[in-house]
Amino acid sequence: MSEAVADPADEAPRKRGKLLPVAAAILLGGGGFASTYLGFWSPVGLFAGSSGAPAVATVSPAVFVEVPRIELSLPGGRGRSLILAVSIETDATHRAEVEHLMPRVLDAFTGFLSGVDPAAYDKRGVLEIIRAELVTRTRYVLGEAPVKDLLITEFLIR
């Protein structure tokens, strides 16, 4: 009778022993898929062999085009004025295009700055908002390719 009854403590290690390799295979397979999917390595690269030195992308150096200084009188009767100097970061291939379209860029800048509420200049974070809006207007006039960034070199309210 004692031989007919199985000890439940003996069955638990056998199930764990069979489950451990299955769980390890699933984890390793998932990790391999994730690393391939994220681009850390490529299975095709293992069979392709070496093609020599890796290609190095050449990046043209940054060129800064100065926008003429903008001076605006702020409405409101307090006699305040805004002075703004900006540089557009581009590359050497687009420099002539940026300089050619500078009157349109100036028009877009002055149109935006004259429409800003004078009370907004007293608020915190206005410089970041103005910079973001000027970048948007610059890209609208010049396109996405020529404009890398916009730098505010002078911002003065007196």
N, C-alpha and C. Protein backbone atom coordinates (compact mmCIF):
# COMPACT_ATOMS: atom_id res chain seq x y z
N MET A 1 0.79 -1.17 0.00
CA MET A 1 0.00 0.00 0.00
C MET A 1 0.85 1.26 0.00
N SER A 2 1.93 1.22 0.71
CA SER A 2 2.78 2.39 0.74
C SER A 2 3.48 2.62 -0.59
N GLU A 3 3.65 1.54 -1.38
CA GLU A 3 4.26 1.69 -2.69
C GLU A 3 3.30 2.29 -3.70
N ALA A 4 2.03 2.15 -3.52
CA ALA A 4 1.03 2.63 -4.47
C ALA A 4 0.84 4.14 -4.38
N VAL A 5 1.10 4.71 -3.26
CA VAL A 5 0.91 6.15 -3.10
C VAL A 5 2.21 6.86 -3.49
N ALA A 6 2.13 7.80 -4.44
CA ALA A 6 3.32 8.54 -4.89
C ALA A 6 3.55 9.73 -3.98
N ASP A 7 4.77 10.02 -3.77
CA ASP A 7 5.14 11.16 -2.94
C ASP A 7 5.05 12.43 -3.79
N PRO A 8 4.20 13.42 -3.44
CA PRO A 8 4.06 14.63 -4.26
C PRO A 8 5.32 15.49 -4.27
N ALA A 9 6.20 15.35 -3.31
CA ALA A 9 7.43 16.14 -3.29
C ALA A 9 8.39 15.71 -4.38
N ASP A 10 8.32 14.46 -4.83
CA ASP A 10 9.22 13.97 -5.87
C ASP A 10 8.81 14.46 -7.27
N GLU A 11 7.53 14.79 -7.53
CA GLU A 11 7.07 15.19 -8.85
C GLU A 11 7.39 16.65 -9.17
N ALA A 12 7.47 17.51 -8.18
CA ALA A 12 7.71 18.93 -8.41
C ALA A 12 9.06 19.21 -9.06
N PRO A 13 10.19 18.62 -8.62
CA PRO A 13 11.46 18.89 -9.29
C PRO A 13 11.48 18.42 -10.74
N ARG A 14 10.76 17.34 -11.07
CA ARG A 14 10.75 16.86 -12.46
C ARG A 14 10.06 17.86 -13.38
N LYS A 15 8.97 18.46 -12.92
CA LYS A 15 8.25 19.44 -13.74
C LYS A 15 9.09 20.70 -13.93
N ARG A 16 9.78 21.12 -12.88
CA ARG A 16 10.64 22.28 -12.99
C ARG A 16 11.81 22.01 -13.92
N GLY A 17 12.32 20.80 -13.86
CA GLY A 17 13.44 20.42 -14.72
C GLY A 17 13.05 20.41 -16.18
N LYS A 18 11.81 20.09 -16.50
CA LYS A 18 11.34 20.09 -17.88
C LYS A 18 10.95 21.50 -18.33
N LEU A 19 10.48 22.32 -17.41
CA LEU A 19 10.03 23.67 -17.74
C LEU A 19 11.19 24.65 -17.91
N LEU A 20 12.28 24.46 -17.22
CA LEU A 20 13.42 25.37 -17.27
C LEU A 20 14.04 25.49 -18.68
N PRO A 21 14.30 24.41 -19.40
CA PRO A 21 14.85 24.56 -20.75
C PRO A 21 13.88 25.24 -21.73
N VAL A 22 12.60 25.00 -21.56
CA VAL A 22 11.60 25.63 -22.43
C VAL A 22 11.58 27.14 -22.19
N ALA A 23 11.59 27.56 -20.92
CA ALA A 23 11.59 28.98 -20.58
C ALA A 23 12.88 29.65 -21.06
N ALA A 24 14.01 28.97 -20.92
CA ALA A 24 15.29 29.54 -21.38
C ALA A 24 15.28 29.70 -22.89
N ALA A 25 14.73 28.73 -23.62
CA ALA A 25 14.67 28.83 -25.08
C ALA A 25 13.78 29.99 -25.52
N ILE A 26 12.67 30.19 -24.84
CA ILE A 26 11.77 31.30 -25.18
C ILE A 26 12.44 32.64 -24.89
N LEU A 27 13.11 32.76 -23.74
CA LEU A 27 13.80 34.01 -23.41
C LEU A 27 14.94 34.32 -24.39
N LEU A 28 15.75 33.33 -24.72
CA LEU A 28 16.86 33.56 -25.64
C LEU A 28 16.36 33.86 -27.05
N GLY A 29 15.33 33.18 -27.48
CA GLY A 29 14.75 33.44 -28.79
C GLY A 29 14.16 34.84 -28.87
N GLY A 30 13.45 35.26 -27.82
CA GLY A 30 12.89 36.61 -27.77
C GLY A 30 13.98 37.67 -27.75
N GLY A 31 15.05 37.42 -27.01
CA GLY A 31 16.17 38.37 -26.97
C GLY A 31 16.87 38.48 -28.31
N GLY A 32 17.04 37.35 -29.01
CA GLY A 32 17.64 37.38 -30.33
C GLY A 32 16.78 38.13 -31.33
N PHE A 33 15.46 37.88 -31.28
CA PHE A 33 14.55 38.60 -32.17
C PHE A 33 14.58 40.10 -31.89
N ALA A 34 14.53 40.47 -30.61
CA ALA A 34 14.52 41.89 -30.25
C ALA A 34 15.81 42.58 -30.69
N SER A 35 16.96 41.93 -30.50
CA SER A 35 18.22 42.57 -30.90
C SER A 35 18.32 42.70 -32.41
N THR A 36 17.77 41.75 -33.16
CA THR A 36 17.76 41.86 -34.61
C THR A 36 16.79 42.94 -35.06
N TYR A 37 15.61 42.97 -34.45
CA TYR A 37 14.59 43.95 -34.80
C TYR A 37 15.05 45.38 -34.52
N LEU A 38 15.77 45.57 -33.44
CA LEU A 38 16.26 46.89 -33.07
C LEU A 38 17.51 47.29 -33.86
N GLY A 39 18.06 46.38 -34.65
CA GLY A 39 19.18 46.73 -35.53
C GLY A 39 20.55 46.60 -34.91
N PHE A 40 20.69 45.87 -33.81
CA PHE A 40 22.00 45.69 -33.21
C PHE A 40 22.90 44.81 -34.06
N TRP A 41 22.31 43.86 -34.78
CA TRP A 41 23.07 42.98 -35.67
C TRP A 41 22.11 42.44 -36.72
N SER A 42 22.66 41.85 -37.76
CA SER A 42 21.85 41.33 -38.85
C SER A 42 22.28 39.90 -39.16
N PRO A 43 21.33 38.98 -39.26
CA PRO A 43 21.70 37.61 -39.61
C PRO A 43 22.31 37.52 -41.01
N VAL A 44 21.89 38.39 -41.93
CA VAL A 44 22.45 38.40 -43.28
C VAL A 44 23.92 38.81 -43.23
N GLY A 45 24.27 39.67 -42.31
CA GLY A 45 25.66 40.11 -42.17
C GLY A 45 26.59 38.99 -41.76
N LEU A 46 26.07 37.97 -41.11
CA LEU A 46 26.91 36.84 -40.72
C LEU A 46 27.35 36.04 -41.94
N PHE A 47 26.51 35.97 -42.98
CA PHE A 47 26.82 35.19 -44.17
C PHE A 47 27.46 36.02 -45.27
N ALA A 48 27.32 37.34 -45.23
CA ALA A 48 27.80 38.20 -46.31
C ALA A 48 29.32 38.34 -46.32
N GLY A 49 29.96 38.29 -45.21
CA GLY A 49 31.41 38.48 -45.16
C GLY A 49 31.74 39.96 -45.08
N SER A 50 33.02 40.25 -45.01
CA SER A 50 33.48 41.62 -44.87
C SER A 50 33.62 42.28 -46.23
N SER A 51 33.14 43.51 -46.34
CA SER A 51 33.22 44.24 -47.61
C SER A 51 34.29 45.33 -47.55
N GLY A 52 35.21 45.25 -46.65
CA GLY A 52 36.28 46.24 -46.55
C GLY A 52 35.96 47.27 -45.48
N ALA A 53 36.47 48.45 -45.68
CA ALA A 53 36.28 49.52 -44.71
C ALA A 53 34.85 50.04 -44.78
N PRO A 54 34.28 50.40 -43.63
CA PRO A 54 32.92 50.94 -43.65
C PRO A 54 32.89 52.32 -44.30
N ALA A 55 31.80 52.61 -44.97
CA ALA A 55 31.67 53.89 -45.65
C ALA A 55 31.45 54.99 -44.61
N VAL A 56 32.14 56.08 -44.78
CA VAL A 56 32.03 57.21 -43.88
C VAL A 56 31.25 58.30 -44.59
N ALA A 57 30.17 58.74 -43.97
CA ALA A 57 29.35 59.80 -44.55
C ALA A 57 30.03 61.14 -44.32
N THR A 58 30.12 61.92 -45.37
CA THR A 58 30.72 63.24 -45.24
C THR A 58 29.62 64.24 -44.92
N VAL A 59 29.87 65.03 -43.92
CA VAL A 59 28.93 66.05 -43.50
C VAL A 59 29.53 67.40 -43.82
N SER A 60 28.77 68.21 -44.53
CA SER A 60 29.29 69.53 -44.86
C SER A 60 29.26 70.40 -43.60
N PRO A 61 30.24 71.26 -43.47
CA PRO A 61 30.31 72.07 -42.26
C PRO A 61 29.15 73.07 -42.19
N ALA A 62 28.82 73.44 -40.98
CA ALA A 62 27.73 74.39 -40.76
C ALA A 62 28.15 75.79 -41.17
N VAL A 63 27.22 76.50 -41.78
CA VAL A 63 27.43 77.88 -42.19
C VAL A 63 26.32 78.70 -41.52
N PHE A 64 26.68 79.82 -40.96
CA PHE A 64 25.71 80.69 -40.30
C PHE A 64 25.49 81.93 -41.14
N VAL A 65 24.23 82.16 -41.51
CA VAL A 65 23.86 83.31 -42.31
C VAL A 65 23.16 84.29 -41.38
N GLU A 66 23.73 85.49 -41.29
CA GLU A 66 23.18 86.51 -40.42
C GLU A 66 21.92 87.12 -41.04
N VAL A 67 20.88 87.21 -40.23
CA VAL A 67 19.66 87.92 -40.62
C VAL A 67 19.84 89.36 -40.15
N PRO A 68 19.52 90.34 -40.99
CA PRO A 68 19.66 91.73 -40.54
C PRO A 68 18.90 91.97 -39.24
N ARG A 69 19.45 92.82 -38.42
CA ARG A 69 18.89 93.13 -37.10
C ARG A 69 17.49 93.72 -37.25
N ILE A 70 16.56 93.25 -36.44
CA ILE A 70 15.17 93.70 -36.49
C ILE A 70 14.91 94.57 -35.27
N GLU A 71 14.39 95.77 -35.52
CA GLU A 71 14.01 96.70 -34.44
C GLU A 71 12.56 97.07 -34.62
N LEU A 72 11.74 96.78 -33.61
CA LEU A 72 10.31 97.04 -33.66
C LEU A 72 9.89 97.85 -32.45
N SER A 73 8.94 98.76 -32.65
CA SER A 73 8.32 99.46 -31.53
C SER A 73 7.15 98.62 -31.06
N LEU A 74 7.10 98.37 -29.77
CA LEU A 74 6.01 97.57 -29.22
C LEU A 74 4.83 98.48 -28.92
N PRO A 75 3.63 98.09 -29.33
CA PRO A 75 2.46 98.92 -29.05
C PRO A 75 2.13 98.90 -27.56
N GLY A 76 1.41 99.88 -27.11
CA GLY A 76 0.99 99.89 -25.72
C GLY A 76 1.27 101.19 -25.02
N GLY A 77 1.87 102.17 -25.64
CA GLY A 77 2.07 103.46 -25.04
C GLY A 77 3.18 103.54 -24.00
N ARG A 78 3.91 102.48 -23.78
CA ARG A 78 4.99 102.52 -22.80
C ARG A 78 6.31 102.88 -23.45
N GLY A 79 6.33 103.01 -24.76
CA GLY A 79 7.55 103.40 -25.47
C GLY A 79 8.61 102.32 -25.50
N ARG A 80 8.20 101.06 -25.43
CA ARG A 80 9.16 99.95 -25.44
C ARG A 80 9.46 99.54 -26.88
N SER A 81 10.66 99.03 -27.07
CA SER A 81 11.04 98.54 -28.39
C SER A 81 11.72 97.17 -28.25
N LEU A 82 11.66 96.40 -29.33
CA LEU A 82 12.25 95.07 -29.37
C LEU A 82 13.37 95.08 -30.39
N ILE A 83 14.52 94.56 -29.98
CA ILE A 83 15.66 94.43 -30.89
C ILE A 83 16.01 92.94 -30.92
N LEU A 84 16.10 92.39 -32.14
CA LEU A 84 16.33 90.97 -32.32
C LEU A 84 17.35 90.75 -33.42
N ALA A 85 18.37 89.95 -33.12
CA ALA A 85 19.36 89.54 -34.11
C ALA A 85 19.37 88.02 -34.15
N VAL A 86 19.35 87.47 -35.36
CA VAL A 86 19.21 86.03 -35.55
C VAL A 86 20.20 85.55 -36.60
N SER A 87 20.67 84.32 -36.45
CA SER A 87 21.48 83.65 -37.46
C SER A 87 20.80 82.35 -37.84
N ILE A 88 20.82 82.05 -39.14
CA ILE A 88 20.25 80.80 -39.63
C ILE A 88 21.39 79.84 -39.90
N GLU A 89 21.32 78.65 -39.30
CA GLU A 89 22.34 77.63 -39.54
C GLU A 89 21.95 76.80 -40.75
N THR A 90 22.84 76.73 -41.72
CA THR A 90 22.62 75.97 -42.94
C THR A 90 23.93 75.32 -43.35
N ASP A 91 23.99 74.76 -44.54
CA ASP A 91 25.26 74.23 -45.04
C ASP A 91 25.71 75.04 -46.24
N ALA A 92 26.92 74.77 -46.72
CA ALA A 92 27.51 75.59 -47.78
C ALA A 92 26.73 75.50 -49.08
N THR A 93 26.07 74.38 -49.34
CA THR A 93 25.34 74.24 -50.59
C THR A 93 24.07 75.08 -50.64
N HIS A 94 23.48 75.39 -49.49
CA HIS A 94 22.24 76.16 -49.45
C HIS A 94 22.44 77.62 -49.06
N ARG A 95 23.67 78.03 -48.86
CA ARG A 95 23.92 79.40 -48.39
C ARG A 95 23.38 80.45 -49.36
N ALA A 96 23.63 80.27 -50.64
CA ALA A 96 23.18 81.26 -51.63
C ALA A 96 21.65 81.35 -51.66
N GLU A 97 20.99 80.22 -51.51
CA GLU A 97 19.53 80.21 -51.50
C GLU A 97 18.99 80.97 -50.29
N VAL A 98 19.61 80.76 -49.13
CA VAL A 98 19.17 81.45 -47.91
C VAL A 98 19.39 82.95 -48.05
N GLU A 99 20.52 83.37 -48.58
CA GLU A 99 20.80 84.79 -48.75
C GLU A 99 19.86 85.42 -49.78
N HIS A 100 19.52 84.66 -50.82
CA HIS A 100 18.63 85.18 -51.86
C HIS A 100 17.22 85.41 -51.33
N LEU A 101 16.74 84.54 -50.44
CA LEU A 101 15.38 84.65 -49.90
C LEU A 101 15.32 85.40 -48.57
N MET A 102 16.38 86.10 -48.21
CA MET A 102 16.41 86.82 -46.94
C MET A 102 15.30 87.86 -46.80
N PRO A 103 14.92 88.62 -47.85
CA PRO A 103 13.80 89.55 -47.68
C PRO A 103 12.49 88.86 -47.26
N ARG A 104 12.24 87.68 -47.77
CA ARG A 104 11.03 86.95 -47.37
C ARG A 104 11.13 86.48 -45.93
N VAL A 105 12.32 86.07 -45.52
CA VAL A 105 12.52 85.64 -44.13
C VAL A 105 12.30 86.82 -43.20
N LEU A 106 12.84 87.98 -43.54
CA LEU A 106 12.64 89.19 -42.73
C LEU A 106 11.17 89.56 -42.64
N ASP A 107 10.47 89.45 -43.76
CA ASP A 107 9.04 89.76 -43.76
C ASP A 107 8.27 88.82 -42.85
N ALA A 108 8.60 87.53 -42.89
CA ALA A 108 7.93 86.56 -42.02
C ALA A 108 8.23 86.83 -40.55
N PHE A 109 9.47 87.20 -40.25
CA PHE A 109 9.86 87.49 -38.87
C PHE A 109 9.14 88.73 -38.34
N THR A 110 9.19 89.82 -39.10
CA THR A 110 8.56 91.06 -38.62
C THR A 110 7.05 90.92 -38.54
N GLY A 111 6.44 90.18 -39.46
CA GLY A 111 5.00 89.95 -39.40
C GLY A 111 4.61 89.21 -38.13
N PHE A 112 5.40 88.21 -37.76
CA PHE A 112 5.10 87.47 -36.53
C PHE A 112 5.36 88.32 -35.29
N LEU A 113 6.52 88.98 -35.24
CA LEU A 113 6.89 89.73 -34.03
C LEU A 113 5.97 90.92 -33.78
N SER A 114 5.47 91.55 -34.84
CA SER A 114 4.57 92.67 -34.63
C SER A 114 3.19 92.22 -34.17
N GLY A 115 2.86 90.95 -34.36
CA GLY A 115 1.57 90.43 -33.93
C GLY A 115 1.56 89.87 -32.52
N VAL A 116 2.71 89.80 -31.88
CA VAL A 116 2.79 89.26 -30.52
C VAL A 116 2.29 90.32 -29.54
N ASP A 117 1.48 89.88 -28.58
CA ASP A 117 0.96 90.78 -27.55
C ASP A 117 2.11 91.30 -26.71
N PRO A 118 2.19 92.61 -26.49
CA PRO A 118 3.30 93.17 -25.70
C PRO A 118 3.39 92.60 -24.28
N ALA A 119 2.29 92.18 -23.71
CA ALA A 119 2.31 91.60 -22.36
C ALA A 119 3.01 90.23 -22.36
N ALA A 120 3.05 89.58 -23.51
CA ALA A 120 3.68 88.26 -23.59
C ALA A 120 5.19 88.35 -23.39
N TYR A 121 5.79 89.47 -23.74
CA TYR A 121 7.23 89.62 -23.57
C TYR A 121 7.66 89.64 -22.11
N ASP A 122 6.74 89.92 -21.21
CA ASP A 122 7.06 89.94 -19.78
C ASP A 122 6.95 88.57 -19.13
N LYS A 123 6.44 87.59 -19.86
CA LYS A 123 6.23 86.27 -19.28
C LYS A 123 7.47 85.40 -19.42
N ARG A 124 7.56 84.43 -18.55
CA ARG A 124 8.69 83.50 -18.54
C ARG A 124 8.56 82.52 -19.71
N GLY A 125 9.67 82.24 -20.37
CA GLY A 125 9.69 81.27 -21.46
C GLY A 125 9.33 81.83 -22.81
N VAL A 126 9.19 83.14 -22.91
CA VAL A 126 8.79 83.74 -24.19
C VAL A 126 9.88 83.57 -25.25
N LEU A 127 11.12 83.54 -24.83
CA LEU A 127 12.23 83.42 -25.79
C LEU A 127 12.18 82.07 -26.51
N GLU A 128 11.88 81.00 -25.79
CA GLU A 128 11.79 79.68 -26.41
C GLU A 128 10.61 79.61 -27.37
N ILE A 129 9.51 80.23 -27.02
CA ILE A 129 8.34 80.24 -27.90
C ILE A 129 8.63 81.04 -29.16
N ILE A 130 9.26 82.19 -29.00
CA ILE A 130 9.60 83.02 -30.17
C ILE A 130 10.58 82.27 -31.07
N ARG A 131 11.57 81.63 -30.49
CA ARG A 131 12.55 80.88 -31.29
C ARG A 131 11.86 79.77 -32.08
N ALA A 132 10.97 79.03 -31.44
CA ALA A 132 10.26 77.94 -32.12
C ALA A 132 9.40 78.48 -33.27
N GLU A 133 8.74 79.59 -33.05
CA GLU A 133 7.92 80.19 -34.10
C GLU A 133 8.77 80.71 -35.25
N LEU A 134 9.92 81.29 -34.94
CA LEU A 134 10.80 81.79 -36.00
C LEU A 134 11.38 80.63 -36.82
N VAL A 135 11.71 79.53 -36.17
CA VAL A 135 12.19 78.35 -36.91
C VAL A 135 11.10 77.84 -37.85
N THR A 136 9.86 77.80 -37.36
CA THR A 136 8.75 77.35 -38.19
C THR A 136 8.57 78.25 -39.40
N ARG A 137 8.63 79.55 -39.20
CA ARG A 137 8.47 80.49 -40.31
C ARG A 137 9.65 80.44 -41.28
N THR A 138 10.84 80.21 -40.76
CA THR A 138 12.02 80.08 -41.62
C THR A 138 11.89 78.84 -42.50
N ARG A 139 11.46 77.75 -41.92
CA ARG A 139 11.28 76.52 -42.71
C ARG A 139 10.13 76.65 -43.70
N TYR A 140 9.14 77.45 -43.37
CA TYR A 140 8.04 77.68 -44.30
C TYR A 140 8.54 78.44 -45.53
N VAL A 141 9.40 79.42 -45.32
CA VAL A 141 9.91 80.23 -46.43
C VAL A 141 10.99 79.50 -47.21
N LEU A 142 11.95 78.88 -46.52
CA LEU A 142 13.11 78.29 -47.17
C LEU A 142 12.96 76.80 -47.48
N GLY A 143 12.08 76.11 -46.78
CA GLY A 143 11.96 74.66 -46.93
C GLY A 143 12.69 73.96 -45.80
N GLU A 144 12.53 72.65 -45.74
CA GLU A 144 13.13 71.87 -44.65
C GLU A 144 14.63 71.67 -44.82
N ALA A 145 15.09 71.45 -46.05
CA ALA A 145 16.49 71.08 -46.28
C ALA A 145 17.49 72.17 -45.92
N PRO A 146 17.29 73.42 -46.30
CA PRO A 146 18.33 74.41 -46.02
C PRO A 146 18.47 74.78 -44.54
N VAL A 147 17.42 74.66 -43.77
CA VAL A 147 17.43 75.15 -42.39
C VAL A 147 17.78 74.02 -41.43
N LYS A 148 18.96 74.12 -40.81
CA LYS A 148 19.33 73.16 -39.77
C LYS A 148 18.84 73.65 -38.41
N ASP A 149 19.07 74.94 -38.14
CA ASP A 149 18.69 75.50 -36.84
C ASP A 149 18.65 77.00 -36.96
N LEU A 150 18.15 77.64 -35.92
CA LEU A 150 18.09 79.09 -35.86
C LEU A 150 18.65 79.52 -34.51
N LEU A 151 19.55 80.48 -34.52
CA LEU A 151 20.19 80.95 -33.30
C LEU A 151 19.81 82.40 -33.05
N ILE A 152 19.32 82.67 -31.86
CA ILE A 152 19.04 84.06 -31.48
C ILE A 152 20.30 84.60 -30.85
N THR A 153 20.93 85.57 -31.51
CA THR A 153 22.18 86.13 -31.01
C THR A 153 21.98 87.39 -30.17
N GLU A 154 20.83 88.04 -30.35
CA GLU A 154 20.54 89.22 -29.54
C GLU A 154 19.03 89.33 -29.37
N PHE A 155 18.59 89.53 -28.14
CA PHE A 155 17.18 89.70 -27.83
C PHE A 155 17.09 90.74 -26.73
N LEU A 156 16.60 91.91 -27.08
CA LEU A 156 16.61 93.02 -26.14
C LEU A 156 15.27 93.74 -26.19
N ILE A 157 14.69 93.99 -25.01
CA ILE A 157 13.48 94.78 -24.90
C ILE A 157 13.80 95.97 -24.02
N ARG A 158 13.64 97.16 -24.59
CA ARG A 158 13.89 98.37 -23.77
C ARG A 158 12.74 99.32 -23.86
